[in-house]
Amino acid sequence: MDKRLGFVGIIIENRKTASSRVNEILSEFGDIIAARTGLPYEKKGCCVITLIVDATTDELGSLTGKLGLVEGVSVKSALSKSK
């Protein structure tokens, strides 16, 4: 399978309870993450993380699936149409 460029948007609603698990998952998938930015957003009491990934659809699905199982975490992603 060919890897494609894409992004993952992650919103962590309760940083204290979910951030350690999110970081564990991101470390597990570190080989497909090209860039990562994170911003604690105190006004809403949440944290937003944006990833740039170079991944297959299976790899991206595995990453977002694991993140989506963490309580208080919302995830959206997309891959480019071509390599």
PDB file of N, CA and C in Angstrom:
ATOM      1  N   MET A   1       0.827  -1.190   0.000  1.00  0.00           N
ATOM      2  CA  MET A   1       0.000   0.000   0.000  1.00  0.00           C
ATOM      3  C   MET A   1       0.869   1.251   0.000  1.00  0.00           C
ATOM      4  N   ASP A   2       0.433   2.249  -0.740  1.00  0.00           N
ATOM      5  CA  ASP A   2       1.184   3.500  -0.824  1.00  0.00           C
ATOM      6  C   ASP A   2       0.802   4.444   0.303  1.00  0.00           C
ATOM      7  N   LYS A   3       1.822   5.112   0.813  1.00  0.00           N
ATOM      8  CA  LYS A   3       1.588   6.118   1.848  1.00  0.00           C
ATOM      9  C   LYS A   3       1.177   7.422   1.189  1.00  0.00           C
ATOM     10  N   ARG A   4       0.334   8.173   1.886  1.00  0.00           N
ATOM     11  CA  ARG A   4      -0.119   9.473   1.401  1.00  0.00           C
ATOM     12  C   ARG A   4      -0.002  10.497   2.519  1.00  0.00           C
ATOM     13  N   LEU A   5       0.111  11.743   2.122  1.00  0.00           N
ATOM     14  CA  LEU A   5       0.193  12.844   3.071  1.00  0.00           C
ATOM     15  C   LEU A   5      -1.193  13.146   3.614  1.00  0.00           C
ATOM     16  N   GLY A   6      -1.271  13.458   4.892  1.00  0.00           N
ATOM     17  CA  GLY A   6      -2.572  13.772   5.480  1.00  0.00           C
ATOM     18  C   GLY A   6      -2.422  14.519   6.790  1.00  0.00           C
ATOM     19  N   PHE A   7      -3.566  14.704   7.448  1.00  0.00           N
ATOM     20  CA  PHE A   7      -3.560  15.383   8.740  1.00  0.00           C
ATOM     21  C   PHE A   7      -4.508  14.682   9.693  1.00  0.00           C
ATOM     22  N   VAL A   8      -4.258  14.917  10.980  1.00  0.00           N
ATOM     23  CA  VAL A   8      -5.134  14.428  12.041  1.00  0.00           C
ATOM     24  C   VAL A   8      -5.364  15.595  12.991  1.00  0.00           C
ATOM     25  N   GLY A   9      -6.615  15.871  13.290  1.00  0.00           N
ATOM     26  CA  GLY A   9      -6.972  16.883  14.275  1.00  0.00           C
ATOM     27  C   GLY A   9      -7.504  16.190  15.519  1.00  0.00           C
ATOM     28  N   ILE A  10      -6.952  16.534  16.664  1.00  0.00           N
ATOM     29  CA  ILE A  10      -7.323  15.889  17.926  1.00  0.00           C
ATOM     30  C   ILE A  10      -7.737  16.963  18.919  1.00  0.00           C
ATOM     31  N   ILE A  11      -8.894  16.783  19.541  1.00  0.00           N
ATOM     32  CA  ILE A  11      -9.319  17.667  20.626  1.00  0.00           C
ATOM     33  C   ILE A  11      -9.415  16.818  21.888  1.00  0.00           C
ATOM     34  N   ILE A  12      -8.677  17.235  22.902  1.00  0.00           N
ATOM     35  CA  ILE A  12      -8.700  16.550  24.190  1.00  0.00           C
ATOM     36  C   ILE A  12      -9.494  17.424  25.149  1.00  0.00           C
ATOM     37  N   GLU A  13     -10.657  16.920  25.579  1.00  0.00           N
ATOM     38  CA  GLU A  13     -11.550  17.719  26.419  1.00  0.00           C
ATOM     39  C   GLU A  13     -11.088  17.801  27.866  1.00  0.00           C
ATOM     40  N   ASN A  14     -10.421  16.768  28.365  1.00  0.00           N
ATOM     41  CA  ASN A  14      -9.905  16.809  29.733  1.00  0.00           C
ATOM     42  C   ASN A  14      -8.437  16.381  29.711  1.00  0.00           C
ATOM     43  N   ARG A  15      -7.570  17.382  29.651  1.00  0.00           N
ATOM     44  CA  ARG A  15      -6.138  17.131  29.496  1.00  0.00           C
ATOM     45  C   ARG A  15      -5.566  16.287  30.621  1.00  0.00           C
ATOM     46  N   LYS A  16      -6.028  16.492  31.820  1.00  0.00           N
ATOM     47  CA  LYS A  16      -5.461  15.784  32.966  1.00  0.00           C
ATOM     48  C   LYS A  16      -5.709  14.289  32.910  1.00  0.00           C
ATOM     49  N   THR A  17      -6.860  13.880  32.392  1.00  0.00           N
ATOM     50  CA  THR A  17      -7.180  12.450  32.394  1.00  0.00           C
ATOM     51  C   THR A  17      -6.796  11.737  31.097  1.00  0.00           C
ATOM     52  N   ALA A  18      -6.743  12.459  29.975  1.00  0.00           N
ATOM     53  CA  ALA A  18      -6.550  11.786  28.685  1.00  0.00           C
ATOM     54  C   ALA A  18      -5.188  12.006  28.038  1.00  0.00           C
ATOM     55  N   SER A  19      -4.473  13.047  28.419  1.00  0.00           N
ATOM     56  CA  SER A  19      -3.256  13.398  27.680  1.00  0.00           C
ATOM     57  C   SER A  19      -2.167  12.335  27.742  1.00  0.00           C
ATOM     58  N   SER A  20      -2.016  11.655  28.858  1.00  0.00           N
ATOM     59  CA  SER A  20      -0.957  10.644  28.933  1.00  0.00           C
ATOM     60  C   SER A  20      -1.237   9.487  27.977  1.00  0.00           C
ATOM     61  N   ARG A  21      -2.497   9.049  27.892  1.00  0.00           N
ATOM     62  CA  ARG A  21      -2.844   7.965  26.969  1.00  0.00           C
ATOM     63  C   ARG A  21      -2.694   8.417  25.516  1.00  0.00           C
ATOM     64  N   VAL A  22      -3.102   9.645  25.214  1.00  0.00           N
ATOM     65  CA  VAL A  22      -2.937  10.174  23.857  1.00  0.00           C
ATOM     66  C   VAL A  22      -1.461  10.199  23.487  1.00  0.00           C
ATOM     67  N   ASN A  23      -0.606  10.658  24.391  1.00  0.00           N
ATOM     68  CA  ASN A  23       0.831  10.702  24.105  1.00  0.00           C
ATOM     69  C   ASN A  23       1.420   9.308  23.921  1.00  0.00           C
ATOM     70  N   GLU A  24       0.946   8.325  24.664  1.00  0.00           N
ATOM     71  CA  GLU A  24       1.398   6.945  24.468  1.00  0.00           C
ATOM     72  C   GLU A  24       1.064   6.459  23.061  1.00  0.00           C
ATOM     73  N   ILE A  25      -0.157   6.731  22.620  1.00  0.00           N
ATOM     74  CA  ILE A  25      -0.592   6.305  21.284  1.00  0.00           C
ATOM     75  C   ILE A  25       0.220   7.023  20.215  1.00  0.00           C
ATOM     76  N   LEU A  26       0.431   8.320  20.371  1.00  0.00           N
ATOM     77  CA  LEU A  26       1.208   9.071  19.386  1.00  0.00           C
ATOM     78  C   LEU A  26       2.645   8.574  19.317  1.00  0.00           C
ATOM     79  N   SER A  27       3.215   8.180  20.437  1.00  0.00           N
ATOM     80  CA  SER A  27       4.570   7.615  20.439  1.00  0.00           C
ATOM     81  C   SER A  27       4.603   6.292  19.687  1.00  0.00           C
ATOM     82  N   GLU A  28       3.560   5.495  19.861  1.00  0.00           N
ATOM     83  CA  GLU A  28       3.454   4.205  19.166  1.00  0.00           C
ATOM     84  C   GLU A  28       3.447   4.387  17.650  1.00  0.00           C
ATOM     85  N   PHE A  29       2.875   5.490  17.175  1.00  0.00           N
ATOM     86  CA  PHE A  29       2.759   5.753  15.742  1.00  0.00           C
ATOM     87  C   PHE A  29       3.740   6.827  15.269  1.00  0.00           C
ATOM     88  N   GLY A  30       4.798   7.046  16.035  1.00  0.00           N
ATOM     89  CA  GLY A  30       5.751   8.104  15.727  1.00  0.00           C
ATOM     90  C   GLY A  30       6.380   8.016  14.353  1.00  0.00           C
ATOM     91  N   ASP A  31       6.496   6.813  13.803  1.00  0.00           N
ATOM     92  CA  ASP A  31       7.136   6.656  12.492  1.00  0.00           C
ATOM     93  C   ASP A  31       6.294   7.199  11.342  1.00  0.00           C
ATOM     94  N   ILE A  32       5.002   7.443  11.538  1.00  0.00           N
ATOM     95  CA  ILE A  32       4.179   8.019  10.462  1.00  0.00           C
ATOM     96  C   ILE A  32       3.878   9.499  10.689  1.00  0.00           C
ATOM     97  N   ILE A  33       4.310  10.045  11.824  1.00  0.00           N
ATOM     98  CA  ILE A  33       4.045  11.451  12.145  1.00  0.00           C
ATOM     99  C   ILE A  33       5.209  12.306  11.659  1.00  0.00           C
ATOM    100  N   ALA A  34       4.909  13.214  10.714  1.00  0.00           N
ATOM    101  CA  ALA A  34       5.930  14.104  10.169  1.00  0.00           C
ATOM    102  C   ALA A  34       6.050  15.386  10.988  1.00  0.00           C
ATOM    103  N   ALA A  35       4.943  15.842  11.561  1.00  0.00           N
ATOM    104  CA  ALA A  35       4.960  17.072  12.358  1.00  0.00           C
ATOM    105  C   ALA A  35       3.813  17.035  13.358  1.00  0.00           C
ATOM    106  N   ARG A  36       4.015  17.747  14.472  1.00  0.00           N
ATOM    107  CA  ARG A  36       3.000  17.793  15.530  1.00  0.00           C
ATOM    108  C   ARG A  36       2.996  19.177  16.156  1.00  0.00           C
ATOM    109  N   THR A  37       1.810  19.747  16.298  1.00  0.00           N
ATOM    110  CA  THR A  37       1.662  20.989  17.044  1.00  0.00           C
ATOM    111  C   THR A  37       0.568  20.788  18.087  1.00  0.00           C
ATOM    112  N   GLY A  38       0.729  21.412  19.220  1.00  0.00           N
ATOM    113  CA  GLY A  38      -0.258  21.295  20.280  1.00  0.00           C
ATOM    114  C   GLY A  38      -0.495  22.632  20.934  1.00  0.00           C
ATOM    115  N   LEU A  39      -1.742  22.855  21.322  1.00  0.00           N
ATOM    116  CA  LEU A  39      -2.093  24.125  21.933  1.00  0.00           C
ATOM    117  C   LEU A  39      -3.102  23.902  23.048  1.00  0.00           C
ATOM    118  N   PRO A  40      -2.692  24.176  24.294  1.00  0.00           N
ATOM    119  CA  PRO A  40      -3.693  24.141  25.357  1.00  0.00           C
ATOM    120  C   PRO A  40      -4.600  25.362  25.190  1.00  0.00           C
ATOM    121  N   TYR A  41      -5.900  25.150  25.238  1.00  0.00           N
ATOM    122  CA  TYR A  41      -6.857  26.241  25.050  1.00  0.00           C
ATOM    123  C   TYR A  41      -7.632  26.410  26.347  1.00  0.00           C
ATOM    124  N   GLU A  42      -7.049  27.191  27.249  1.00  0.00           N
ATOM    125  CA  GLU A  42      -7.581  27.351  28.599  1.00  0.00           C
ATOM    126  C   GLU A  42      -9.000  27.915  28.612  1.00  0.00           C
ATOM    127  N   LYS A  43      -9.319  28.781  27.673  1.00  0.00           N
ATOM    128  CA  LYS A  43     -10.645  29.396  27.623  1.00  0.00           C
ATOM    129  C   LYS A  43     -11.753  28.340  27.567  1.00  0.00           C
ATOM    130  N   LYS A  44     -11.497  27.231  26.869  1.00  0.00           N
ATOM    131  CA  LYS A  44     -12.473  26.150  26.754  1.00  0.00           C
ATOM    132  C   LYS A  44     -12.089  24.940  27.606  1.00  0.00           C
ATOM    133  N   GLY A  45     -10.950  25.005  28.273  1.00  0.00           N
ATOM    134  CA  GLY A  45     -10.503  23.911  29.123  1.00  0.00           C
ATOM    135  C   GLY A  45     -10.148  22.653  28.365  1.00  0.00           C
ATOM    136  N   CYS A  46      -9.592  22.824  27.168  1.00  0.00           N
ATOM    137  CA  CYS A  46      -9.238  21.661  26.354  1.00  0.00           C
ATOM    138  C   CYS A  46      -7.855  21.862  25.736  1.00  0.00           C
ATOM    139  N   CYS A  47      -7.455  20.906  24.939  1.00  0.00           N
ATOM    140  CA  CYS A  47      -6.181  20.959  24.230  1.00  0.00           C
ATOM    141  C   CYS A  47      -6.431  20.516  22.794  1.00  0.00           C
ATOM    142  N   VAL A  48      -5.769  21.172  21.851  1.00  0.00           N
ATOM    143  CA  VAL A  48      -5.904  20.824  20.441  1.00  0.00           C
ATOM    144  C   VAL A  48      -4.535  20.405  19.917  1.00  0.00           C
ATOM    145  N   ILE A  49      -4.482  19.252  19.260  1.00  0.00           N
ATOM    146  CA  ILE A  49      -3.249  18.756  18.655  1.00  0.00           C
ATOM    147  C   ILE A  49      -3.512  18.545  17.168  1.00  0.00           C
ATOM    148  N   THR A  50      -2.575  19.012  16.348  1.00  0.00           N
ATOM    149  CA  THR A  50      -2.644  18.785  14.908  1.00  0.00           C
ATOM    150  C   THR A  50      -1.416  17.996  14.485  1.00  0.00           C
ATOM    151  N   LEU A  51      -1.647  16.932  13.720  1.00  0.00           N
ATOM    152  CA  LEU A  51      -0.558  16.105  13.211  1.00  0.00           C
ATOM    153  C   LEU A  51      -0.526  16.179  11.691  1.00  0.00           C
ATOM    154  N   ILE A  52       0.669  16.185  11.121  1.00  0.00           N
ATOM    155  CA  ILE A  52       0.861  15.948   9.697  1.00  0.00           C
ATOM    156  C   ILE A  52       1.408  14.532   9.604  1.00  0.00           C
ATOM    157  N   VAL A  53       0.758  13.687   8.812  1.00  0.00           N
ATOM    158  CA  VAL A  53       1.159  12.282   8.739  1.00  0.00           C
ATOM    159  C   VAL A  53       1.494  11.890   7.308  1.00  0.00           C
ATOM    160  N   ASP A  54       2.327  10.866   7.192  1.00  0.00           N
ATOM    161  CA  ASP A  54       2.648  10.217   5.920  1.00  0.00           C
ATOM    162  C   ASP A  54       2.320   8.750   6.154  1.00  0.00           C
ATOM    163  N   ALA A  55       1.105   8.330   5.762  1.00  0.00           N
ATOM    164  CA  ALA A  55       0.598   7.041   6.205  1.00  0.00           C
ATOM    165  C   ALA A  55      -0.261   6.364   5.145  1.00  0.00           C
ATOM    166  N   THR A  56      -0.411   5.059   5.295  1.00  0.00           N
ATOM    167  CA  THR A  56      -1.384   4.323   4.498  1.00  0.00           C
ATOM    168  C   THR A  56      -2.753   4.507   5.148  1.00  0.00           C
ATOM    169  N   THR A  57      -3.791   4.129   4.438  1.00  0.00           N
ATOM    170  CA  THR A  57      -5.133   4.232   5.018  1.00  0.00           C
ATOM    171  C   THR A  57      -5.259   3.316   6.233  1.00  0.00           C
ATOM    172  N   ASP A  58      -4.617   2.156   6.197  1.00  0.00           N
ATOM    173  CA  ASP A  58      -4.661   1.242   7.340  1.00  0.00           C
ATOM    174  C   ASP A  58      -3.957   1.831   8.560  1.00  0.00           C
ATOM    175  N   GLU A  59      -2.787   2.425   8.349  1.00  0.00           N
ATOM    176  CA  GLU A  59      -2.054   3.040   9.459  1.00  0.00           C
ATOM    177  C   GLU A  59      -2.847   4.191  10.068  1.00  0.00           C
ATOM    178  N   LEU A  60      -3.416   5.036   9.201  1.00  0.00           N
ATOM    179  CA  LEU A  60      -4.192   6.172   9.705  1.00  0.00           C
ATOM    180  C   LEU A  60      -5.432   5.685  10.451  1.00  0.00           C
ATOM    181  N   GLY A  61      -6.084   4.666   9.919  1.00  0.00           N
ATOM    182  CA  GLY A  61      -7.259   4.109  10.586  1.00  0.00           C
ATOM    183  C   GLY A  61      -6.939   3.531  11.949  1.00  0.00           C
ATOM    184  N   SER A  62      -5.793   2.872  12.048  1.00  0.00           N
ATOM    185  CA  SER A  62      -5.376   2.306  13.330  1.00  0.00           C
ATOM    186  C   SER A  62      -5.099   3.417  14.350  1.00  0.00           C
ATOM    187  N   LEU A  63      -4.382   4.446  13.919  1.00  0.00           N
ATOM    188  CA  LEU A  63      -4.069   5.574  14.806  1.00  0.00           C
ATOM    189  C   LEU A  63      -5.342   6.272  15.275  1.00  0.00           C
ATOM    190  N   THR A  64      -6.195   6.652  14.342  1.00  0.00           N
ATOM    191  CA  THR A  64      -7.392   7.396  14.722  1.00  0.00           C
ATOM    192  C   THR A  64      -8.372   6.522  15.506  1.00  0.00           C
ATOM    193  N   GLY A  65      -8.406   5.234  15.195  1.00  0.00           N
ATOM    194  CA  GLY A  65      -9.274   4.332  15.948  1.00  0.00           C
ATOM    195  C   GLY A  65      -8.872   4.236  17.405  1.00  0.00           C
ATOM    196  N   LYS A  66      -7.571   4.103  17.660  1.00  0.00           N
ATOM    197  CA  LYS A  66      -7.089   4.031  19.041  1.00  0.00           C
ATOM    198  C   LYS A  66      -7.324   5.343  19.778  1.00  0.00           C
ATOM    199  N   LEU A  67      -7.082   6.463  19.093  1.00  0.00           N
ATOM    200  CA  LEU A  67      -7.311   7.764  19.721  1.00  0.00           C
ATOM    201  C   LEU A  67      -8.797   7.957  20.034  1.00  0.00           C
ATOM    202  N   GLY A  68      -9.656   7.521  19.127  1.00  0.00           N
ATOM    203  CA  GLY A  68     -11.089   7.690  19.307  1.00  0.00           C
ATOM    204  C   GLY A  68     -11.662   6.896  20.468  1.00  0.00           C
ATOM    205  N   LEU A  69     -10.950   5.866  20.902  1.00  0.00           N
ATOM    206  CA  LEU A  69     -11.404   5.067  22.035  1.00  0.00           C
ATOM    207  C   LEU A  69     -11.091   5.706  23.390  1.00  0.00           C
ATOM    208  N   VAL A  70     -10.233   6.724  23.387  1.00  0.00           N
ATOM    209  CA  VAL A  70      -9.873   7.400  24.637  1.00  0.00           C
ATOM    210  C   VAL A  70     -11.016   8.331  25.024  1.00  0.00           C
ATOM    211  N   GLU A  71     -11.498   8.182  26.251  1.00  0.00           N
ATOM    212  CA  GLU A  71     -12.617   8.999  26.724  1.00  0.00           C
ATOM    213  C   GLU A  71     -12.252  10.482  26.709  1.00  0.00           C
ATOM    214  N   GLY A  72     -13.148  11.290  26.155  1.00  0.00           N
ATOM    215  CA  GLY A  72     -12.930  12.733  26.110  1.00  0.00           C
ATOM    216  C   GLY A  72     -12.073  13.202  24.956  1.00  0.00           C
ATOM    217  N   VAL A  73     -11.801  12.315  23.977  1.00  0.00           N
ATOM    218  CA  VAL A  73     -10.974  12.675  22.828  1.00  0.00           C
ATOM    219  C   VAL A  73     -11.808  12.600  21.552  1.00  0.00           C
ATOM    220  N   SER A  74     -11.743  13.663  20.745  1.00  0.00           N
ATOM    221  CA  SER A  74     -12.393  13.704  19.436  1.00  0.00           C
ATOM    222  C   SER A  74     -11.319  13.757  18.368  1.00  0.00           C
ATOM    223  N   VAL A  75     -11.522  13.018  17.272  1.00  0.00           N
ATOM    224  CA  VAL A  75     -10.495  12.911  16.222  1.00  0.00           C
ATOM    225  C   VAL A  75     -11.135  13.031  14.843  1.00  0.00           C
ATOM    226  N   LYS A  76     -10.490  13.780  13.983  1.00  0.00           N
ATOM    227  CA  LYS A  76     -10.871  13.857  12.562  1.00  0.00           C
ATOM    228  C   LYS A  76      -9.591  13.792  11.741  1.00  0.00           C
ATOM    229  N   SER A  77      -9.680  13.167  10.554  1.00  0.00           N
ATOM    230  CA  SER A  77      -8.486  13.034   9.742  1.00  0.00           C
ATOM    231  C   SER A  77      -8.832  13.002   8.258  1.00  0.00           C
ATOM    232  N   ALA A  78      -7.809  13.199   7.431  1.00  0.00           N
ATOM    233  CA  ALA A  78      -7.959  13.098   5.991  1.00  0.00           C
ATOM    234  C   ALA A  78      -6.608  12.786   5.377  1.00  0.00           C
ATOM    235  N   LEU A  79      -6.631  12.086   4.243  1.00  0.00           N
ATOM    236  CA  LEU A  79      -5.436  11.814   3.465  1.00  0.00           C
ATOM    237  C   LEU A  79      -5.591  12.422   2.084  1.00  0.00           C
ATOM    238  N   SER A  80      -4.479  12.785   1.459  1.00  0.00           N
ATOM    239  CA  SER A  80      -4.515  13.303   0.095  1.00  0.00           C
ATOM    240  C   SER A  80      -5.018  12.205  -0.840  1.00  0.00           C
ATOM    241  N   LYS A  81      -5.520  12.620  -2.003  1.00  0.00           N
ATOM    242  CA  LYS A  81      -6.027  11.652  -2.974  1.00  0.00           C
ATOM    243  C   LYS A  81      -4.904  10.927  -3.691  1.00  0.00           C
ATOM    244  N   SER A  82      -3.746  11.566  -3.799  1.00  0.00           N
ATOM    245  CA  SER A  82      -2.630  10.937  -4.504  1.00  0.00           C
ATOM    246  C   SER A  82      -1.414  10.855  -3.605  1.00  0.00           C
ATOM    247  N   LYS A  83      -0.407  10.136  -4.077  1.00  0.00           N
ATOM    248  CA  LYS A  83       0.831   9.946  -3.314  1.00  0.00           C
ATOM    249  C   LYS A  83       1.500  11.268  -3.097  1.00  0.00           C
TER     250      LYS A  83
END
